[in-house]
Structure formats: C-alpha cells, structure tokens
Amino acid sequence: MTLYLWIKTFHLLFVIAWMAAVFYLPRILVNIAEAAGQPQVQARLVLMGRRLYRFGHNMLGLALLLGALLWLGYRFIPDFPTMVGPGTGWMHAKLALVAVILAYYIFTGRWLKGVEQGRALPSSRKLRLFNELPVLALLAIIWLVLFKPF
C-alpha cells in the first residue's frame, strides 16, 4: 500500500504542475495580444510560452505514466489496489475530461506557434474568457474523483 500512495502522490504532483501550465499559457497569450507593436516584449513572451508549453508536456507525460500505473498496476504489482471493475465508470468520465483539457492545451500551443509565424491572436478579452474553461473541467474531474458517482 505504501508504494501505491507514493505513486499517487507523484501522480498528483505532476498533474498539479501540468494544470499550472494549462492555466498560465493562455495568460501568456493574453499578454502577447496586449503587447502588440512591442516586438521585444512579444518575443520574450513567446519564448516564455514555448518553455512553459514544453514543461507542461513533460509534466503531463509523467502524470499519465503514473496514472496508468495507478489504474493498471494491479496486473504487475502484488497486492496493488485496483480501479478496474464495477463502479469505476467515473474513471472513464475523468479520462474523457482529461482528454478535453489536453485538446485545450494543444490548441493553446497552436496559437502560440501561430504567433511565431505572424498570425494574429483573438482579442485579449476572448483569451481571458478562454482561459476560464479548464477550471470548469478541473472542477468536474475533482468531483468525479472524490465522489465516484458511478
């Protein structure tokens, strides 16, 4: 059980780090949109965005690896708790929402790459509203994990 808790601890750590990138990358895009006409500022923000995007992908990879181990570790590790079987439909809903957040993250990365290629961003107001979407998905994920409704 101790191994399970260590794996879960690091899974949560990497999820939190990835979500920080998910929340902050659109904010960098807002700053880029508001720095129009200031090429040095925009270049610095794009560099920050690229680094954050790469960091987020690394954290996501580690979170997914440990999450898969938590989900299927019972097959490889003796006495490892299982999350497979009846009453684990919440896990599928959670994974679907994680996929939605991943698509959101990739979409923001595409916007960042577009800025580097000279494409315009939506207005800073639209980007601010866009920045709030993953909060709702994260709230639903937390609810699913804590309440396991189905």
N, C-alpha and C. Protein backbone atom coordinates (compact mmCIF):
# COMPACT_ATOMS: atom_id res chain seq x y z
N MET A 1 0.82 -1.20 0.00
CA MET A 1 0.00 0.00 0.00
C MET A 1 0.86 1.26 0.00
N THR A 2 2.03 1.20 0.64
CA THR A 2 2.91 2.36 0.68
C THR A 2 3.36 2.75 -0.72
N LEU A 3 3.70 1.76 -1.56
CA LEU A 3 4.09 2.06 -2.94
C LEU A 3 2.96 2.76 -3.69
N TYR A 4 1.75 2.27 -3.49
CA TYR A 4 0.57 2.87 -4.12
C TYR A 4 0.45 4.34 -3.73
N LEU A 5 0.62 4.65 -2.46
CA LEU A 5 0.48 6.04 -2.00
C LEU A 5 1.60 6.92 -2.55
N TRP A 6 2.82 6.40 -2.67
CA TRP A 6 3.91 7.18 -3.27
C TRP A 6 3.62 7.46 -4.74
N ILE A 7 3.16 6.46 -5.44
CA ILE A 7 2.83 6.66 -6.86
C ILE A 7 1.71 7.68 -7.00
N LYS A 8 0.70 7.58 -6.17
CA LYS A 8 -0.41 8.53 -6.20
C LYS A 8 0.05 9.95 -5.87
N THR A 9 0.96 10.07 -4.90
CA THR A 9 1.50 11.38 -4.52
C THR A 9 2.21 12.03 -5.70
N PHE A 10 3.07 11.29 -6.37
CA PHE A 10 3.80 11.86 -7.50
C PHE A 10 2.88 12.10 -8.70
N HIS A 11 1.88 11.25 -8.88
CA HIS A 11 0.89 11.49 -9.93
C HIS A 11 0.21 12.84 -9.70
N LEU A 12 -0.23 13.09 -8.47
CA LEU A 12 -0.89 14.36 -8.15
C LEU A 12 0.06 15.55 -8.33
N LEU A 13 1.31 15.38 -7.93
CA LEU A 13 2.29 16.45 -8.11
C LEU A 13 2.43 16.83 -9.59
N PHE A 14 2.56 15.83 -10.46
CA PHE A 14 2.73 16.11 -11.88
C PHE A 14 1.45 16.65 -12.51
N VAL A 15 0.29 16.19 -12.04
CA VAL A 15 -0.98 16.74 -12.53
C VAL A 15 -1.08 18.22 -12.16
N ILE A 16 -0.73 18.56 -10.93
CA ILE A 16 -0.79 19.96 -10.49
C ILE A 16 0.17 20.81 -11.31
N ALA A 17 1.37 20.31 -11.58
CA ALA A 17 2.33 21.06 -12.38
C ALA A 17 1.80 21.26 -13.80
N TRP A 18 1.19 20.21 -14.38
CA TRP A 18 0.63 20.34 -15.73
C TRP A 18 -0.51 21.35 -15.74
N MET A 19 -1.38 21.29 -14.73
CA MET A 19 -2.50 22.23 -14.69
C MET A 19 -2.02 23.67 -14.53
N ALA A 20 -0.91 23.87 -13.84
CA ALA A 20 -0.35 25.22 -13.75
C ALA A 20 -0.01 25.72 -15.15
N ALA A 21 0.57 24.86 -15.96
CA ALA A 21 0.89 25.24 -17.35
C ALA A 21 -0.39 25.46 -18.16
N VAL A 22 -1.39 24.62 -17.95
CA VAL A 22 -2.67 24.77 -18.67
C VAL A 22 -3.30 26.11 -18.34
N PHE A 23 -3.22 26.53 -17.08
CA PHE A 23 -3.82 27.80 -16.68
C PHE A 23 -2.98 29.01 -17.10
N TYR A 24 -1.67 28.87 -17.12
CA TYR A 24 -0.82 30.04 -17.36
C TYR A 24 -0.54 30.31 -18.84
N LEU A 25 -0.52 29.28 -19.66
CA LEU A 25 -0.22 29.50 -21.08
C LEU A 25 -1.21 30.47 -21.75
N PRO A 26 -2.51 30.34 -21.53
CA PRO A 26 -3.43 31.33 -22.12
C PRO A 26 -3.19 32.74 -21.57
N ARG A 27 -2.74 32.83 -20.33
CA ARG A 27 -2.43 34.16 -19.77
C ARG A 27 -1.26 34.79 -20.50
N ILE A 28 -0.27 33.98 -20.87
CA ILE A 28 0.84 34.49 -21.68
C ILE A 28 0.32 34.96 -23.03
N LEU A 29 -0.65 34.23 -23.60
CA LEU A 29 -1.24 34.65 -24.87
C LEU A 29 -1.96 35.99 -24.72
N VAL A 30 -2.63 36.20 -23.59
CA VAL A 30 -3.28 37.49 -23.32
C VAL A 30 -2.22 38.60 -23.33
N ASN A 31 -1.11 38.36 -22.66
CA ASN A 31 -0.04 39.36 -22.61
C ASN A 31 0.55 39.61 -23.99
N ILE A 32 0.69 38.57 -24.79
CA ILE A 32 1.19 38.75 -26.16
C ILE A 32 0.22 39.61 -26.96
N ALA A 33 -1.07 39.34 -26.83
CA ALA A 33 -2.08 40.11 -27.56
C ALA A 33 -2.05 41.58 -27.14
N GLU A 34 -1.80 41.83 -25.87
CA GLU A 34 -1.79 43.21 -25.37
C GLU A 34 -0.46 43.91 -25.64
N ALA A 35 0.57 43.16 -26.05
CA ALA A 35 1.88 43.75 -26.33
C ALA A 35 2.06 44.01 -27.83
N ALA A 36 0.97 44.13 -28.55
CA ALA A 36 1.05 44.39 -29.99
C ALA A 36 1.83 45.67 -30.23
N GLY A 37 2.74 45.62 -31.19
CA GLY A 37 3.57 46.78 -31.50
C GLY A 37 4.83 46.87 -30.66
N GLN A 38 5.06 45.89 -29.81
CA GLN A 38 6.26 45.84 -28.97
C GLN A 38 6.99 44.52 -29.25
N PRO A 39 7.74 44.46 -30.33
CA PRO A 39 8.32 43.18 -30.76
C PRO A 39 9.25 42.53 -29.73
N GLN A 40 9.98 43.31 -28.96
CA GLN A 40 10.87 42.71 -27.96
C GLN A 40 10.07 42.05 -26.85
N VAL A 41 9.01 42.70 -26.43
CA VAL A 41 8.17 42.14 -25.37
C VAL A 41 7.49 40.87 -25.88
N GLN A 42 6.96 40.95 -27.10
CA GLN A 42 6.30 39.78 -27.67
C GLN A 42 7.27 38.61 -27.81
N ALA A 43 8.49 38.87 -28.27
CA ALA A 43 9.48 37.80 -28.43
C ALA A 43 9.79 37.14 -27.10
N ARG A 44 9.91 37.94 -26.06
CA ARG A 44 10.19 37.38 -24.73
C ARG A 44 9.02 36.54 -24.23
N LEU A 45 7.81 37.01 -24.45
CA LEU A 45 6.63 36.26 -24.03
C LEU A 45 6.48 34.96 -24.82
N VAL A 46 6.79 35.00 -26.11
CA VAL A 46 6.74 33.78 -26.92
C VAL A 46 7.76 32.76 -26.41
N LEU A 47 8.94 33.23 -26.07
CA LEU A 47 9.96 32.33 -25.51
C LEU A 47 9.47 31.71 -24.20
N MET A 48 8.90 32.54 -23.34
CA MET A 48 8.34 32.03 -22.08
C MET A 48 7.24 31.00 -22.36
N GLY A 49 6.39 31.30 -23.33
CA GLY A 49 5.30 30.40 -23.68
C GLY A 49 5.81 29.06 -24.20
N ARG A 50 6.84 29.10 -25.05
CA ARG A 50 7.41 27.86 -25.58
C ARG A 50 7.98 26.99 -24.46
N ARG A 51 8.70 27.63 -23.55
CA ARG A 51 9.28 26.88 -22.43
C ARG A 51 8.19 26.30 -21.53
N LEU A 52 7.16 27.09 -21.27
CA LEU A 52 6.06 26.61 -20.44
C LEU A 52 5.34 25.46 -21.13
N TYR A 53 5.12 25.56 -22.42
CA TYR A 53 4.44 24.52 -23.18
C TYR A 53 5.23 23.21 -23.10
N ARG A 54 6.53 23.29 -23.28
CA ARG A 54 7.39 22.10 -23.19
C ARG A 54 7.35 21.51 -21.77
N PHE A 55 7.46 22.38 -20.76
CA PHE A 55 7.38 21.94 -19.38
C PHE A 55 6.05 21.22 -19.12
N GLY A 56 4.96 21.82 -19.59
CA GLY A 56 3.64 21.21 -19.40
C GLY A 56 3.54 19.84 -20.03
N HIS A 57 4.08 19.69 -21.23
CA HIS A 57 4.05 18.38 -21.87
C HIS A 57 4.84 17.35 -21.08
N ASN A 58 5.98 17.75 -20.54
CA ASN A 58 6.78 16.83 -19.72
C ASN A 58 6.01 16.41 -18.47
N MET A 59 5.38 17.36 -17.82
CA MET A 59 4.62 17.05 -16.61
C MET A 59 3.42 16.15 -16.94
N LEU A 60 2.77 16.43 -18.06
CA LEU A 60 1.64 15.60 -18.47
C LEU A 60 2.11 14.17 -18.73
N GLY A 61 3.23 14.02 -19.40
CA GLY A 61 3.74 12.68 -19.69
C GLY A 61 4.00 11.89 -18.42
N LEU A 62 4.61 12.52 -17.43
CA LEU A 62 4.87 11.85 -16.16
C LEU A 62 3.56 11.54 -15.42
N ALA A 63 2.62 12.48 -15.45
CA ALA A 63 1.32 12.26 -14.79
C ALA A 63 0.57 11.10 -15.45
N LEU A 64 0.60 11.04 -16.78
CA LEU A 64 -0.08 9.95 -17.48
C LEU A 64 0.57 8.60 -17.20
N LEU A 65 1.89 8.58 -17.18
CA LEU A 65 2.61 7.34 -16.89
C LEU A 65 2.24 6.81 -15.50
N LEU A 66 2.29 7.68 -14.51
CA LEU A 66 1.95 7.25 -13.15
C LEU A 66 0.46 6.96 -13.01
N GLY A 67 -0.37 7.71 -13.73
CA GLY A 67 -1.81 7.44 -13.70
C GLY A 67 -2.13 6.08 -14.29
N ALA A 68 -1.46 5.72 -15.37
CA ALA A 68 -1.66 4.39 -15.96
C ALA A 68 -1.21 3.30 -14.98
N LEU A 69 -0.14 3.56 -14.27
CA LEU A 69 0.33 2.59 -13.27
C LEU A 69 -0.68 2.47 -12.13
N LEU A 70 -1.26 3.58 -11.71
CA LEU A 70 -2.29 3.52 -10.67
C LEU A 70 -3.51 2.73 -11.15
N TRP A 71 -3.85 2.92 -12.41
CA TRP A 71 -5.04 2.29 -12.97
C TRP A 71 -4.83 0.80 -13.21
N LEU A 72 -3.67 0.43 -13.72
CA LEU A 72 -3.43 -0.96 -14.12
C LEU A 72 -2.33 -1.64 -13.33
N GLY A 73 -1.84 -1.00 -12.28
CA GLY A 73 -0.74 -1.55 -11.51
C GLY A 73 -1.04 -2.89 -10.86
N TYR A 74 -2.31 -3.18 -10.62
CA TYR A 74 -2.69 -4.45 -10.00
C TYR A 74 -2.25 -5.65 -10.84
N ARG A 75 -2.06 -5.43 -12.15
CA ARG A 75 -1.63 -6.52 -13.03
C ARG A 75 -0.15 -6.87 -12.86
N PHE A 76 0.63 -5.92 -12.36
CA PHE A 76 2.07 -6.10 -12.30
C PHE A 76 2.63 -6.13 -10.88
N ILE A 77 1.94 -5.49 -9.95
CA ILE A 77 2.46 -5.34 -8.59
C ILE A 77 1.56 -6.11 -7.63
N PRO A 78 2.13 -7.06 -6.90
CA PRO A 78 1.32 -7.84 -5.95
C PRO A 78 0.66 -6.93 -4.90
N ASP A 79 -0.58 -7.24 -4.54
CA ASP A 79 -1.36 -6.53 -3.51
C ASP A 79 -1.60 -5.06 -3.84
N PHE A 80 -1.53 -4.70 -5.12
CA PHE A 80 -1.77 -3.32 -5.53
C PHE A 80 -3.28 -3.14 -5.69
N PRO A 81 -3.86 -2.05 -5.14
CA PRO A 81 -5.32 -1.84 -5.27
C PRO A 81 -5.72 -1.69 -6.75
N THR A 82 -6.92 -2.07 -7.06
CA THR A 82 -7.40 -1.97 -8.43
C THR A 82 -8.49 -0.92 -8.57
N MET A 83 -8.50 -0.26 -9.71
CA MET A 83 -9.56 0.69 -10.04
C MET A 83 -10.30 0.22 -11.28
N VAL A 84 -10.26 -1.08 -11.52
CA VAL A 84 -10.90 -1.66 -12.69
C VAL A 84 -12.01 -2.57 -12.20
N GLY A 85 -13.17 -2.46 -12.82
CA GLY A 85 -14.29 -3.32 -12.44
C GLY A 85 -15.56 -2.51 -12.25
N PRO A 86 -16.57 -3.14 -11.68
CA PRO A 86 -17.84 -2.43 -11.47
C PRO A 86 -17.64 -1.21 -10.56
N GLY A 87 -18.36 -0.17 -10.86
CA GLY A 87 -18.28 1.04 -10.04
C GLY A 87 -17.13 1.96 -10.39
N THR A 88 -16.50 1.74 -11.54
CA THR A 88 -15.38 2.61 -11.93
C THR A 88 -15.70 3.41 -13.19
N GLY A 89 -16.97 3.60 -13.47
CA GLY A 89 -17.35 4.42 -14.62
C GLY A 89 -16.88 5.86 -14.49
N TRP A 90 -16.75 6.33 -13.25
CA TRP A 90 -16.26 7.68 -13.00
C TRP A 90 -14.88 7.87 -13.62
N MET A 91 -14.07 6.78 -13.62
CA MET A 91 -12.71 6.87 -14.17
C MET A 91 -12.75 7.18 -15.67
N HIS A 92 -13.68 6.57 -16.38
CA HIS A 92 -13.80 6.82 -17.82
C HIS A 92 -14.23 8.26 -18.08
N ALA A 93 -15.14 8.77 -17.27
CA ALA A 93 -15.57 10.17 -17.40
C ALA A 93 -14.41 11.11 -17.10
N LYS A 94 -13.63 10.77 -16.07
CA LYS A 94 -12.46 11.59 -15.72
C LYS A 94 -11.47 11.60 -16.87
N LEU A 95 -11.19 10.44 -17.43
CA LEU A 95 -10.23 10.37 -18.53
C LEU A 95 -10.72 11.13 -19.76
N ALA A 96 -12.02 11.12 -19.99
CA ALA A 96 -12.57 11.90 -21.11
C ALA A 96 -12.35 13.40 -20.87
N LEU A 97 -12.54 13.85 -19.64
CA LEU A 97 -12.30 15.27 -19.33
C LEU A 97 -10.82 15.62 -19.41
N VAL A 98 -9.95 14.70 -19.01
CA VAL A 98 -8.51 14.92 -19.17
C VAL A 98 -8.18 15.07 -20.65
N ALA A 99 -8.80 14.26 -21.49
CA ALA A 99 -8.58 14.37 -22.94
C ALA A 99 -9.05 15.73 -23.46
N VAL A 100 -10.15 16.24 -22.92
CA VAL A 100 -10.65 17.56 -23.32
C VAL A 100 -9.64 18.64 -22.90
N ILE A 101 -9.10 18.54 -21.69
CA ILE A 101 -8.11 19.53 -21.24
C ILE A 101 -6.84 19.42 -22.08
N LEU A 102 -6.45 18.21 -22.45
CA LEU A 102 -5.28 18.04 -23.31
C LEU A 102 -5.52 18.70 -24.67
N ALA A 103 -6.71 18.51 -25.25
CA ALA A 103 -7.03 19.16 -26.53
C ALA A 103 -6.96 20.68 -26.38
N TYR A 104 -7.47 21.20 -25.28
CA TYR A 104 -7.41 22.63 -24.99
C TYR A 104 -5.96 23.10 -24.94
N TYR A 105 -5.12 22.33 -24.26
CA TYR A 105 -3.71 22.68 -24.10
C TYR A 105 -3.00 22.67 -25.46
N ILE A 106 -3.28 21.68 -26.26
CA ILE A 106 -2.68 21.62 -27.60
C ILE A 106 -3.16 22.80 -28.44
N PHE A 107 -4.43 23.15 -28.31
CA PHE A 107 -4.99 24.30 -29.04
C PHE A 107 -4.27 25.59 -28.67
N THR A 108 -4.02 25.79 -27.37
CA THR A 108 -3.29 27.00 -26.96
C THR A 108 -1.86 26.97 -27.48
N GLY A 109 -1.26 25.78 -27.54
CA GLY A 109 0.08 25.65 -28.12
C GLY A 109 0.09 26.01 -29.59
N ARG A 110 -0.97 25.66 -30.30
CA ARG A 110 -1.08 26.03 -31.73
C ARG A 110 -1.18 27.54 -31.89
N TRP A 111 -1.93 28.18 -31.00
CA TRP A 111 -2.00 29.64 -31.05
C TRP A 111 -0.61 30.25 -30.84
N LEU A 112 0.13 29.70 -29.89
CA LEU A 112 1.48 30.19 -29.62
C LEU A 112 2.37 30.03 -30.85
N LYS A 113 2.31 28.88 -31.49
CA LYS A 113 3.09 28.65 -32.71
C LYS A 113 2.64 29.60 -33.82
N GLY A 114 1.34 29.88 -33.87
CA GLY A 114 0.83 30.83 -34.86
C GLY A 114 1.39 32.22 -34.67
N VAL A 115 1.55 32.64 -33.42
CA VAL A 115 2.14 33.95 -33.13
C VAL A 115 3.56 34.00 -33.69
N GLU A 116 4.30 32.93 -33.50
CA GLU A 116 5.67 32.88 -34.02
C GLU A 116 5.70 32.98 -35.54
N GLN A 117 4.64 32.52 -36.18
CA GLN A 117 4.57 32.58 -37.65
C GLN A 117 3.87 33.84 -38.15
N GLY A 118 3.55 34.75 -37.23
CA GLY A 118 2.98 36.04 -37.62
C GLY A 118 1.46 36.09 -37.66
N ARG A 119 0.78 35.03 -37.21
CA ARG A 119 -0.68 35.05 -37.20
C ARG A 119 -1.20 35.84 -36.00
N ALA A 120 -2.34 36.43 -36.17
CA ALA A 120 -2.95 37.24 -35.10
C ALA A 120 -3.68 36.34 -34.10
N LEU A 121 -3.75 36.81 -32.88
CA LEU A 121 -4.49 36.14 -31.82
C LEU A 121 -5.88 36.75 -31.71
N PRO A 122 -6.81 36.03 -31.08
CA PRO A 122 -8.08 36.67 -30.75
C PRO A 122 -7.84 37.82 -29.77
N SER A 123 -8.85 38.59 -29.49
CA SER A 123 -8.70 39.72 -28.56
C SER A 123 -8.33 39.21 -27.18
N SER A 124 -7.73 40.11 -26.40
CA SER A 124 -7.32 39.73 -25.05
C SER A 124 -8.55 39.37 -24.20
N ARG A 125 -9.68 40.00 -24.45
CA ARG A 125 -10.91 39.67 -23.71
C ARG A 125 -11.35 38.24 -24.01
N LYS A 126 -11.34 37.86 -25.28
CA LYS A 126 -11.71 36.48 -25.66
C LYS A 126 -10.72 35.48 -25.07
N LEU A 127 -9.45 35.84 -25.07
CA LEU A 127 -8.45 34.94 -24.49
C LEU A 127 -8.65 34.79 -22.99
N ARG A 128 -9.06 35.85 -22.32
CA ARG A 128 -9.33 35.77 -20.88
C ARG A 128 -10.50 34.82 -20.60
N LEU A 129 -11.54 34.92 -21.41
CA LEU A 129 -12.69 34.01 -21.25
C LEU A 129 -12.27 32.57 -21.56
N PHE A 130 -11.47 32.41 -22.61
CA PHE A 130 -10.98 31.08 -22.98
C PHE A 130 -10.16 30.47 -21.84
N ASN A 131 -9.47 31.32 -21.10
CA ASN A 131 -8.62 30.88 -20.01
C ASN A 131 -9.42 30.25 -18.86
N GLU A 132 -10.70 30.54 -18.78
CA GLU A 132 -11.52 30.03 -17.67
C GLU A 132 -12.07 28.63 -17.93
N LEU A 133 -12.05 28.18 -19.16
CA LEU A 133 -12.66 26.89 -19.50
C LEU A 133 -12.06 25.69 -18.75
N PRO A 134 -10.73 25.59 -18.63
CA PRO A 134 -10.22 24.40 -17.94
C PRO A 134 -10.56 24.35 -16.46
N VAL A 135 -10.92 25.49 -15.88
CA VAL A 135 -11.31 25.50 -14.46
C VAL A 135 -12.57 24.65 -14.29
N LEU A 136 -13.51 24.78 -15.21
CA LEU A 136 -14.75 24.01 -15.13
C LEU A 136 -14.48 22.52 -15.30
N ALA A 137 -13.62 22.18 -16.24
CA ALA A 137 -13.28 20.77 -16.44
C ALA A 137 -12.56 20.20 -15.22
N LEU A 138 -11.65 20.98 -14.66
CA LEU A 138 -10.93 20.52 -13.46
C LEU A 138 -11.89 20.33 -12.29
N LEU A 139 -12.84 21.23 -12.14
CA LEU A 139 -13.84 21.09 -11.08
C LEU A 139 -14.61 19.78 -11.24
N ALA A 140 -15.01 19.48 -12.46
CA ALA A 140 -15.73 18.22 -12.72
C ALA A 140 -14.84 17.02 -12.43
N ILE A 141 -13.57 17.09 -12.79
CA ILE A 141 -12.65 15.98 -12.52
C ILE A 141 -12.51 15.76 -11.02
N ILE A 142 -12.32 16.83 -10.27
CA ILE A 142 -12.18 16.71 -8.81
C ILE A 142 -13.45 16.09 -8.22
N TRP A 143 -14.60 16.53 -8.68
CA TRP A 143 -15.86 15.98 -8.20
C TRP A 143 -15.94 14.49 -8.49
N LEU A 144 -15.60 14.09 -9.71
CA LEU A 144 -15.64 12.68 -10.07
C LEU A 144 -14.71 11.83 -9.21
N VAL A 145 -13.50 12.33 -8.98
CA VAL A 145 -12.52 11.58 -8.20
C VAL A 145 -12.95 11.45 -6.74
N LEU A 146 -13.47 12.52 -6.18
CA LEU A 146 -13.84 12.48 -4.76
C LEU A 146 -15.15 11.73 -4.49
N PHE A 147 -16.16 11.92 -5.35
CA PHE A 147 -17.46 11.34 -5.10
C PHE A 147 -17.68 10.00 -5.78
N LYS A 148 -16.90 9.72 -6.85
CA LYS A 148 -17.05 8.44 -7.58
C LYS A 148 -18.53 8.08 -7.76
N PRO A 149 -19.27 8.93 -8.48
CA PRO A 149 -20.74 8.78 -8.52
C PRO A 149 -21.25 7.56 -9.28
N PHE A 150 -20.42 6.97 -10.14
CA PHE A 150 -20.88 5.80 -10.91
C PHE A 150 -19.72 4.92 -11.27
